[in-house]
Amino acid sequence: MDERIEEFVMREELIMLTAVELDVENCRPTDIPEPRRVYAWFLYFSEAICVQAHAITYTRTAVKIRFLKPLIKIQREGWVWLSAVKPASVEKAE
């Protein structure tokens, strides 16, 4: 089976922030006029992955990122904690 198809089928679902965690009633989202390149960590149940992404919206505690899922190259969006995002000019954490 093609490695990318196998990755798509076998990969767990991403764990992104929920509406309750975002608390948008108290932390209103602000769109970023020009998306900024960032490195962002997100979770699967079994591992954490750092990807190059674009920050597109933020609150005081979280950032909405747009990125290509590794290997299968499908564009995704989701919210992660602010502390999980670093500007692309900063070296990727190992």
PDB file of N, CA and C in Angstrom:
ATOM      1  N   MET A   1       0.851  -1.187   0.000  1.00  0.00           N
ATOM      2  CA  MET A   1       0.000   0.000   0.000  1.00  0.00           C
ATOM      3  C   MET A   1       0.891   1.244   0.000  1.00  0.00           C
ATOM      4  N   ASP A   2       0.509   2.251  -0.745  1.00  0.00           N
ATOM      5  CA  ASP A   2       1.239   3.507  -0.782  1.00  0.00           C
ATOM      6  C   ASP A   2       1.390   4.062   0.633  1.00  0.00           C
ATOM      7  N   GLU A   3       2.595   4.534   0.969  1.00  0.00           N
ATOM      8  CA  GLU A   3       2.891   5.006   2.329  1.00  0.00           C
ATOM      9  C   GLU A   3       1.967   6.139   2.776  1.00  0.00           C
ATOM     10  N   ARG A   4       1.645   7.065   1.867  1.00  0.00           N
ATOM     11  CA  ARG A   4       0.771   8.183   2.243  1.00  0.00           C
ATOM     12  C   ARG A   4      -0.652   7.725   2.513  1.00  0.00           C
ATOM     13  N   ILE A   5      -1.146   6.786   1.733  1.00  0.00           N
ATOM     14  CA  ILE A   5      -2.495   6.260   1.968  1.00  0.00           C
ATOM     15  C   ILE A   5      -2.533   5.515   3.295  1.00  0.00           C
ATOM     16  N   GLU A   6      -1.508   4.709   3.538  1.00  0.00           N
ATOM     17  CA  GLU A   6      -1.444   3.980   4.807  1.00  0.00           C
ATOM     18  C   GLU A   6      -1.402   4.949   5.988  1.00  0.00           C
ATOM     19  N   GLU A   7      -0.612   6.007   5.868  1.00  0.00           N
ATOM     20  CA  GLU A   7      -0.535   7.022   6.927  1.00  0.00           C
ATOM     21  C   GLU A   7      -1.904   7.646   7.172  1.00  0.00           C
ATOM     22  N   PHE A   8      -2.631   7.975   6.100  1.00  0.00           N
ATOM     23  CA  PHE A   8      -3.956   8.576   6.216  1.00  0.00           C
ATOM     24  C   PHE A   8      -4.929   7.644   6.925  1.00  0.00           C
ATOM     25  N   VAL A   9      -4.910   6.385   6.556  1.00  0.00           N
ATOM     26  CA  VAL A   9      -5.837   5.404   7.131  1.00  0.00           C
ATOM     27  C   VAL A   9      -5.494   5.095   8.583  1.00  0.00           C
ATOM     28  N   MET A  10      -4.214   4.981   8.883  1.00  0.00           N
ATOM     29  CA  MET A  10      -3.780   4.527  10.202  1.00  0.00           C
ATOM     30  C   MET A  10      -3.638   5.652  11.227  1.00  0.00           C
ATOM     31  N   ARG A  11      -3.506   6.873  10.794  1.00  0.00           N
ATOM     32  CA  ARG A  11      -3.245   7.985  11.719  1.00  0.00           C
ATOM     33  C   ARG A  11      -4.460   8.270  12.582  1.00  0.00           C
ATOM     34  N   GLU A  12      -4.197   8.486  13.844  1.00  0.00           N
ATOM     35  CA  GLU A  12      -5.268   8.884  14.749  1.00  0.00           C
ATOM     36  C   GLU A  12      -5.731  10.299  14.395  1.00  0.00           C
ATOM     37  N   GLU A  13      -6.848  10.694  14.950  1.00  0.00           N
ATOM     38  CA  GLU A  13      -7.365  12.045  14.716  1.00  0.00           C
ATOM     39  C   GLU A  13      -6.575  13.041  15.563  1.00  0.00           C
ATOM     40  N   LEU A  14      -6.388  14.233  15.024  1.00  0.00           N
ATOM     41  CA  LEU A  14      -5.714  15.306  15.752  1.00  0.00           C
ATOM     42  C   LEU A  14      -6.499  15.689  16.995  1.00  0.00           C
ATOM     43  N   ILE A  15      -5.783  16.111  18.013  1.00  0.00           N
ATOM     44  CA  ILE A  15      -6.431  16.653  19.204  1.00  0.00           C
ATOM     45  C   ILE A  15      -6.222  18.162  19.170  1.00  0.00           C
ATOM     46  N   MET A  16      -7.286  18.889  18.897  1.00  0.00           N
ATOM     47  CA  MET A  16      -7.235  20.348  18.876  1.00  0.00           C
ATOM     48  C   MET A  16      -8.076  20.872  20.040  1.00  0.00           C
ATOM     49  N   LEU A  17      -7.953  22.155  20.318  1.00  0.00           N
ATOM     50  CA  LEU A  17      -8.712  22.740  21.422  1.00  0.00           C
ATOM     51  C   LEU A  17     -10.205  22.727  21.124  1.00  0.00           C
ATOM     52  N   THR A  18     -10.979  22.560  22.172  1.00  0.00           N
ATOM     53  CA  THR A  18     -12.438  22.551  22.057  1.00  0.00           C
ATOM     54  C   THR A  18     -12.987  23.957  22.273  1.00  0.00           C
ATOM     55  N   ALA A  19     -14.253  24.152  21.982  1.00  0.00           N
ATOM     56  CA  ALA A  19     -14.912  25.445  22.196  1.00  0.00           C
ATOM     57  C   ALA A  19     -14.859  25.849  23.667  1.00  0.00           C
ATOM     58  N   VAL A  20     -15.006  24.893  24.553  1.00  0.00           N
ATOM     59  CA  VAL A  20     -14.944  25.190  25.992  1.00  0.00           C
ATOM     60  C   VAL A  20     -13.554  25.697  26.360  1.00  0.00           C
ATOM     61  N   GLU A  21     -12.517  25.051  25.844  1.00  0.00           N
ATOM     62  CA  GLU A  21     -11.150  25.489  26.132  1.00  0.00           C
ATOM     63  C   GLU A  21     -10.865  26.865  25.537  1.00  0.00           C
ATOM     64  N   LEU A  22     -11.431  27.153  24.377  1.00  0.00           N
ATOM     65  CA  LEU A  22     -11.212  28.454  23.736  1.00  0.00           C
ATOM     66  C   LEU A  22     -11.898  29.585  24.483  1.00  0.00           C
ATOM     67  N   ASP A  23     -13.045  29.309  25.093  1.00  0.00           N
ATOM     68  CA  ASP A  23     -13.787  30.311  25.862  1.00  0.00           C
ATOM     69  C   ASP A  23     -13.983  31.596  25.051  1.00  0.00           C
ATOM     70  N   VAL A  24     -14.543  31.458  23.837  1.00  0.00           N
ATOM     71  CA  VAL A  24     -14.675  32.610  22.943  1.00  0.00           C
ATOM     72  C   VAL A  24     -15.610  33.694  23.464  1.00  0.00           C
ATOM     73  N   GLU A  25     -16.467  33.368  24.409  1.00  0.00           N
ATOM     74  CA  GLU A  25     -17.321  34.409  24.993  1.00  0.00           C
ATOM     75  C   GLU A  25     -16.496  35.416  25.783  1.00  0.00           C
ATOM     76  N   ASN A  26     -15.403  34.960  26.381  1.00  0.00           N
ATOM     77  CA  ASN A  26     -14.547  35.832  27.181  1.00  0.00           C
ATOM     78  C   ASN A  26     -13.241  36.208  26.480  1.00  0.00           C
ATOM     79  N   CYS A  27     -12.849  35.447  25.474  1.00  0.00           N
ATOM     80  CA  CYS A  27     -11.613  35.695  24.719  1.00  0.00           C
ATOM     81  C   CYS A  27     -11.958  35.745  23.241  1.00  0.00           C
ATOM     82  N   ARG A  28     -12.351  36.904  22.759  1.00  0.00           N
ATOM     83  CA  ARG A  28     -12.791  37.041  21.368  1.00  0.00           C
ATOM     84  C   ARG A  28     -11.630  36.807  20.400  1.00  0.00           C
ATOM     85  N   PRO A  29     -11.844  35.994  19.357  1.00  0.00           N
ATOM     86  CA  PRO A  29     -10.802  35.767  18.351  1.00  0.00           C
ATOM     87  C   PRO A  29     -10.551  37.017  17.505  1.00  0.00           C
ATOM     88  N   THR A  30      -9.297  37.207  17.122  1.00  0.00           N
ATOM     89  CA  THR A  30      -8.886  38.299  16.249  1.00  0.00           C
ATOM     90  C   THR A  30      -8.201  37.697  15.029  1.00  0.00           C
ATOM     91  N   ASP A  31      -8.689  38.041  13.834  1.00  0.00           N
ATOM     92  CA  ASP A  31      -8.053  37.549  12.609  1.00  0.00           C
ATOM     93  C   ASP A  31      -6.719  38.247  12.400  1.00  0.00           C
ATOM     94  N   ILE A  32      -5.763  37.526  11.845  1.00  0.00           N
ATOM     95  CA  ILE A  32      -4.464  38.084  11.485  1.00  0.00           C
ATOM     96  C   ILE A  32      -4.558  38.463  10.005  1.00  0.00           C
ATOM     97  N   PRO A  33      -4.424  39.770   9.672  1.00  0.00           N
ATOM     98  CA  PRO A  33      -4.618  40.208   8.283  1.00  0.00           C
ATOM     99  C   PRO A  33      -3.761  39.435   7.272  1.00  0.00           C
ATOM    100  N   GLU A  34      -2.493  39.232   7.586  1.00  0.00           N
ATOM    101  CA  GLU A  34      -1.598  38.437   6.741  1.00  0.00           C
ATOM    102  C   GLU A  34      -1.129  37.261   7.576  1.00  0.00           C
ATOM    103  N   PRO A  35      -1.559  36.038   7.259  1.00  0.00           N
ATOM    104  CA  PRO A  35      -1.132  34.880   8.055  1.00  0.00           C
ATOM    105  C   PRO A  35       0.384  34.858   8.236  1.00  0.00           C
ATOM    106  N   ARG A  36       0.818  34.489   9.446  1.00  0.00           N
ATOM    107  CA  ARG A  36       2.247  34.481   9.776  1.00  0.00           C
ATOM    108  C   ARG A  36       2.764  33.057   9.841  1.00  0.00           C
ATOM    109  N   ARG A  37       3.966  32.847   9.283  1.00  0.00           N
ATOM    110  CA  ARG A  37       4.586  31.518   9.343  1.00  0.00           C
ATOM    111  C   ARG A  37       5.047  31.233  10.763  1.00  0.00           C
ATOM    112  N   VAL A  38       4.707  30.057  11.237  1.00  0.00           N
ATOM    113  CA  VAL A  38       5.046  29.645  12.593  1.00  0.00           C
ATOM    114  C   VAL A  38       5.404  28.161  12.601  1.00  0.00           C
ATOM    115  N   TYR A  39       5.989  27.722  13.705  1.00  0.00           N
ATOM    116  CA  TYR A  39       6.085  26.303  14.021  1.00  0.00           C
ATOM    117  C   TYR A  39       5.081  26.060  15.126  1.00  0.00           C
ATOM    118  N   ALA A  40       4.294  25.010  14.998  1.00  0.00           N
ATOM    119  CA  ALA A  40       3.258  24.733  15.994  1.00  0.00           C
ATOM    120  C   ALA A  40       3.262  23.251  16.358  1.00  0.00           C
ATOM    121  N   TRP A  41       3.098  22.999  17.636  1.00  0.00           N
ATOM    122  CA  TRP A  41       2.964  21.634  18.136  1.00  0.00           C
ATOM    123  C   TRP A  41       1.490  21.295  18.237  1.00  0.00           C
ATOM    124  N   PHE A  42       1.134  20.099  17.786  1.00  0.00           N
ATOM    125  CA  PHE A  42      -0.210  19.593  18.017  1.00  0.00           C
ATOM    126  C   PHE A  42      -0.118  18.132  18.399  1.00  0.00           C
ATOM    127  N   LEU A  43      -1.202  17.607  18.900  1.00  0.00           N
ATOM    128  CA  LEU A  43      -1.195  16.265  19.479  1.00  0.00           C
ATOM    129  C   LEU A  43      -2.057  15.276  18.721  1.00  0.00           C
ATOM    130  N   TYR A  44      -1.572  14.053  18.703  1.00  0.00           N
ATOM    131  CA  TYR A  44      -2.378  12.869  18.447  1.00  0.00           C
ATOM    132  C   TYR A  44      -2.433  12.168  19.805  1.00  0.00           C
ATOM    133  N   PHE A  45      -3.241  11.148  19.958  1.00  0.00           N
ATOM    134  CA  PHE A  45      -3.286  10.451  21.237  1.00  0.00           C
ATOM    135  C   PHE A  45      -1.930   9.855  21.605  1.00  0.00           C
ATOM    136  N   SER A  46      -1.166   9.401  20.621  1.00  0.00           N
ATOM    137  CA  SER A  46       0.076   8.688  20.910  1.00  0.00           C
ATOM    138  C   SER A  46       1.349   9.518  20.753  1.00  0.00           C
ATOM    139  N   GLU A  47       1.267  10.736  20.201  1.00  0.00           N
ATOM    140  CA  GLU A  47       2.479  11.517  19.997  1.00  0.00           C
ATOM    141  C   GLU A  47       2.169  12.996  19.770  1.00  0.00           C
ATOM    142  N   ALA A  48       3.210  13.811  19.927  1.00  0.00           N
ATOM    143  CA  ALA A  48       3.138  15.239  19.609  1.00  0.00           C
ATOM    144  C   ALA A  48       3.990  15.474  18.367  1.00  0.00           C
ATOM    145  N   ILE A  49       3.528  16.362  17.481  1.00  0.00           N
ATOM    146  CA  ILE A  49       4.239  16.644  16.235  1.00  0.00           C
ATOM    147  C   ILE A  49       4.352  18.157  16.065  1.00  0.00           C
ATOM    148  N   CYS A  50       5.541  18.598  15.651  1.00  0.00           N
ATOM    149  CA  CYS A  50       5.756  20.010  15.346  1.00  0.00           C
ATOM    150  C   CYS A  50       5.740  20.177  13.830  1.00  0.00           C
ATOM    151  N   VAL A  51       4.918  21.109  13.345  1.00  0.00           N
ATOM    152  CA  VAL A  51       4.810  21.346  11.907  1.00  0.00           C
ATOM    153  C   VAL A  51       4.999  22.827  11.604  1.00  0.00           C
ATOM    154  N   GLN A  52       5.402  23.112  10.371  1.00  0.00           N
ATOM    155  CA  GLN A  52       5.400  24.492   9.912  1.00  0.00           C
ATOM    156  C   GLN A  52       3.963  24.807   9.527  1.00  0.00           C
ATOM    157  N   ALA A  53       3.472  25.956   9.961  1.00  0.00           N
ATOM    158  CA  ALA A  53       2.066  26.302   9.755  1.00  0.00           C
ATOM    159  C   ALA A  53       1.951  27.806   9.525  1.00  0.00           C
ATOM    160  N   HIS A  54       0.715  28.251   9.342  1.00  0.00           N
ATOM    161  CA  HIS A  54       0.411  29.679   9.285  1.00  0.00           C
ATOM    162  C   HIS A  54      -0.570  29.993  10.406  1.00  0.00           C
ATOM    163  N   ALA A  55      -0.244  30.997  11.212  1.00  0.00           N
ATOM    164  CA  ALA A  55      -1.169  31.488  12.232  1.00  0.00           C
ATOM    165  C   ALA A  55      -2.171  32.386  11.524  1.00  0.00           C
ATOM    166  N   ILE A  56      -3.473  32.114  11.715  1.00  0.00           N
ATOM    167  CA  ILE A  56      -4.487  32.879  10.980  1.00  0.00           C
ATOM    168  C   ILE A  56      -5.438  33.654  11.886  1.00  0.00           C
ATOM    169  N   THR A  57      -5.571  33.236  13.136  1.00  0.00           N
ATOM    170  CA  THR A  57      -6.455  33.887  14.103  1.00  0.00           C
ATOM    171  C   THR A  57      -5.874  33.639  15.487  1.00  0.00           C
ATOM    172  N   TYR A  58      -6.163  34.539  16.429  1.00  0.00           N
ATOM    173  CA  TYR A  58      -5.648  34.310  17.780  1.00  0.00           C
ATOM    174  C   TYR A  58      -6.594  34.877  18.833  1.00  0.00           C
ATOM    175  N   THR A  59      -6.431  34.383  20.044  1.00  0.00           N
ATOM    176  CA  THR A  59      -7.031  34.964  21.247  1.00  0.00           C
ATOM    177  C   THR A  59      -5.868  35.215  22.200  1.00  0.00           C
ATOM    178  N   ARG A  60      -6.141  35.639  23.414  1.00  0.00           N
ATOM    179  CA  ARG A  60      -5.028  35.855  24.344  1.00  0.00           C
ATOM    180  C   ARG A  60      -4.426  34.547  24.840  1.00  0.00           C
ATOM    181  N   THR A  61      -5.097  33.407  24.602  1.00  0.00           N
ATOM    182  CA  THR A  61      -4.586  32.121  25.090  1.00  0.00           C
ATOM    183  C   THR A  61      -4.349  31.074  24.004  1.00  0.00           C
ATOM    184  N   ALA A  62      -4.825  31.310  22.777  1.00  0.00           N
ATOM    185  CA  ALA A  62      -4.756  30.274  21.741  1.00  0.00           C
ATOM    186  C   ALA A  62      -4.531  30.880  20.359  1.00  0.00           C
ATOM    187  N   VAL A  63      -4.094  30.018  19.433  1.00  0.00           N
ATOM    188  CA  VAL A  63      -3.846  30.427  18.048  1.00  0.00           C
ATOM    189  C   VAL A  63      -4.494  29.403  17.123  1.00  0.00           C
ATOM    190  N   LYS A  64      -5.177  29.907  16.095  1.00  0.00           N
ATOM    191  CA  LYS A  64      -5.712  29.016  15.067  1.00  0.00           C
ATOM    192  C   LYS A  64      -4.667  28.923  13.971  1.00  0.00           C
ATOM    193  N   ILE A  65      -4.270  27.690  13.645  1.00  0.00           N
ATOM    194  CA  ILE A  65      -3.242  27.479  12.642  1.00  0.00           C
ATOM    195  C   ILE A  65      -3.811  26.749  11.430  1.00  0.00           C
ATOM    196  N   ARG A  66      -3.173  26.981  10.289  1.00  0.00           N
ATOM    197  CA  ARG A  66      -3.481  26.255   9.049  1.00  0.00           C
ATOM    198  C   ARG A  66      -2.178  25.572   8.633  1.00  0.00           C
ATOM    199  N   PHE A  67      -2.255  24.291   8.307  1.00  0.00           N
ATOM    200  CA  PHE A  67      -1.045  23.535   7.992  1.00  0.00           C
ATOM    201  C   PHE A  67      -1.374  22.354   7.095  1.00  0.00           C
ATOM    202  N   LEU A  68      -0.337  21.781   6.495  1.00  0.00           N
ATOM    203  CA  LEU A  68      -0.482  20.545   5.737  1.00  0.00           C
ATOM    204  C   LEU A  68      -0.148  19.392   6.668  1.00  0.00           C
ATOM    205  N   LYS A  69      -1.032  18.410   6.745  1.00  0.00           N
ATOM    206  CA  LYS A  69      -0.738  17.241   7.575  1.00  0.00           C
ATOM    207  C   LYS A  69       0.478  16.526   7.010  1.00  0.00           C
ATOM    208  N   PRO A  70       1.426  16.162   7.879  1.00  0.00           N
ATOM    209  CA  PRO A  70       2.635  15.479   7.413  1.00  0.00           C
ATOM    210  C   PRO A  70       2.302  14.238   6.585  1.00  0.00           C
ATOM    211  N   LEU A  71       3.119  13.966   5.626  1.00  0.00           N
ATOM    212  CA  LEU A  71       3.053  12.827   4.698  1.00  0.00           C
ATOM    213  C   LEU A  71       1.893  12.877   3.721  1.00  0.00           C
ATOM    214  N   ILE A  72       0.670  13.118   4.180  1.00  0.00           N
ATOM    215  CA  ILE A  72      -0.473  13.020   3.273  1.00  0.00           C
ATOM    216  C   ILE A  72      -0.832  14.351   2.621  1.00  0.00           C
ATOM    217  N   LYS A  73      -0.245  15.441   3.101  1.00  0.00           N
ATOM    218  CA  LYS A  73      -0.380  16.761   2.476  1.00  0.00           C
ATOM    219  C   LYS A  73      -1.821  17.223   2.305  1.00  0.00           C
ATOM    220  N   ILE A  74      -2.616  17.038   3.334  1.00  0.00           N
ATOM    221  CA  ILE A  74      -3.985  17.546   3.352  1.00  0.00           C
ATOM    222  C   ILE A  74      -4.003  18.777   4.248  1.00  0.00           C
ATOM    223  N   GLN A  75      -4.586  19.875   3.762  1.00  0.00           N
ATOM    224  CA  GLN A  75      -4.630  21.099   4.557  1.00  0.00           C
ATOM    225  C   GLN A  75      -5.627  20.959   5.689  1.00  0.00           C
ATOM    226  N   ARG A  76      -5.208  21.363   6.885  1.00  0.00           N
ATOM    227  CA  ARG A  76      -6.065  21.318   8.070  1.00  0.00           C
ATOM    228  C   ARG A  76      -5.981  22.648   8.797  1.00  0.00           C
ATOM    229  N   GLU A  77      -6.986  22.915   9.612  1.00  0.00           N
ATOM    230  CA  GLU A  77      -6.995  24.081  10.494  1.00  0.00           C
ATOM    231  C   GLU A  77      -7.427  23.622  11.864  1.00  0.00           C
ATOM    232  N   GLY A  78      -6.924  24.298  12.878  1.00  0.00           N
ATOM    233  CA  GLY A  78      -7.355  23.992  14.227  1.00  0.00           C
ATOM    234  C   GLY A  78      -6.695  24.915  15.232  1.00  0.00           C
ATOM    235  N   TRP A  79      -7.233  24.883  16.433  1.00  0.00           N
ATOM    236  CA  TRP A  79      -6.756  25.737  17.515  1.00  0.00           C
ATOM    237  C   TRP A  79      -5.782  24.975  18.401  1.00  0.00           C
ATOM    238  N   VAL A  80      -4.681  25.657  18.768  1.00  0.00           N
ATOM    239  CA  VAL A  80      -3.714  25.123  19.724  1.00  0.00           C
ATOM    240  C   VAL A  80      -3.435  26.208  20.759  1.00  0.00           C
ATOM    241  N   TRP A  81      -2.889  25.800  21.898  1.00  0.00           N
ATOM    242  CA  TRP A  81      -2.531  26.778  22.924  1.00  0.00           C
ATOM    243  C   TRP A  81      -1.441  27.713  22.401  1.00  0.00           C
ATOM    244  N   LEU A  82      -1.476  28.951  22.829  1.00  0.00           N
ATOM    245  CA  LEU A  82      -0.493  29.953  22.428  1.00  0.00           C
ATOM    246  C   LEU A  82       0.934  29.467  22.694  1.00  0.00           C
ATOM    247  N   SER A  83       1.145  28.786  23.800  1.00  0.00           N
ATOM    248  CA  SER A  83       2.488  28.306  24.153  1.00  0.00           C
ATOM    249  C   SER A  83       2.999  27.215  23.211  1.00  0.00           C
ATOM    250  N   ALA A  84       2.132  26.657  22.365  1.00  0.00           N
ATOM    251  CA  ALA A  84       2.527  25.611  21.412  1.00  0.00           C
ATOM    252  C   ALA A  84       2.987  26.193  20.078  1.00  0.00           C
ATOM    253  N   VAL A  85       3.035  27.524  19.973  1.00  0.00           N
ATOM    254  CA  VAL A  85       3.347  28.186  18.701  1.00  0.00           C
ATOM    255  C   VAL A  85       4.566  29.092  18.871  1.00  0.00           C
ATOM    256  N   LYS A  86       5.493  28.992  17.913  1.00  0.00           N
ATOM    257  CA  LYS A  86       6.684  29.848  17.890  1.00  0.00           C
ATOM    258  C   LYS A  86       6.818  30.444  16.493  1.00  0.00           C
ATOM    259  N   PRO A  87       7.287  31.701  16.388  1.00  0.00           N
ATOM    260  CA  PRO A  87       7.505  32.290  15.063  1.00  0.00           C
ATOM    261  C   PRO A  87       8.464  31.431  14.239  1.00  0.00           C
ATOM    262  N   ALA A  88       8.285  31.400  12.937  1.00  0.00           N
ATOM    263  CA  ALA A  88       9.138  30.579  12.069  1.00  0.00           C
ATOM    264  C   ALA A  88      10.591  31.022  12.114  1.00  0.00           C
ATOM    265  N   SER A  89      10.864  32.259  12.498  1.00  0.00           N
ATOM    266  CA  SER A  89      12.244  32.734  12.586  1.00  0.00           C
ATOM    267  C   SER A  89      13.001  32.090  13.744  1.00  0.00           C
ATOM    268  N   VAL A  90      12.266  31.537  14.713  1.00  0.00           N
ATOM    269  CA  VAL A  90      12.887  30.836  15.838  1.00  0.00           C
ATOM    270  C   VAL A  90      13.117  29.395  15.411  1.00  0.00           C
ATOM    271  N   GLU A  91      14.285  28.840  15.725  1.00  0.00           N
ATOM    272  CA  GLU A  91      14.583  27.454  15.354  1.00  0.00           C
ATOM    273  C   GLU A  91      13.559  26.503  15.934  1.00  0.00           C
ATOM    274  N   LYS A  92      13.182  25.517  15.137  1.00  0.00           N
ATOM    275  CA  LYS A  92      12.220  24.497  15.560  1.00  0.00           C
ATOM    276  C   LYS A  92      12.779  23.744  16.760  1.00  0.00           C
ATOM    277  N   ALA A  93      11.929  23.561  17.780  1.00  0.00           N
ATOM    278  CA  ALA A  93      12.336  22.812  18.972  1.00  0.00           C
ATOM    279  C   ALA A  93      12.519  21.345  18.616  1.00  0.00           C
ATOM    280  N   GLU A  94      13.534  20.746  19.148  1.00  0.00           N
ATOM    281  CA  GLU A  94      13.776  19.318  18.903  1.00  0.00           C
ATOM    282  C   GLU A  94      13.285  18.504  20.069  1.00  0.00           C
TER     283      GLU A  94
END
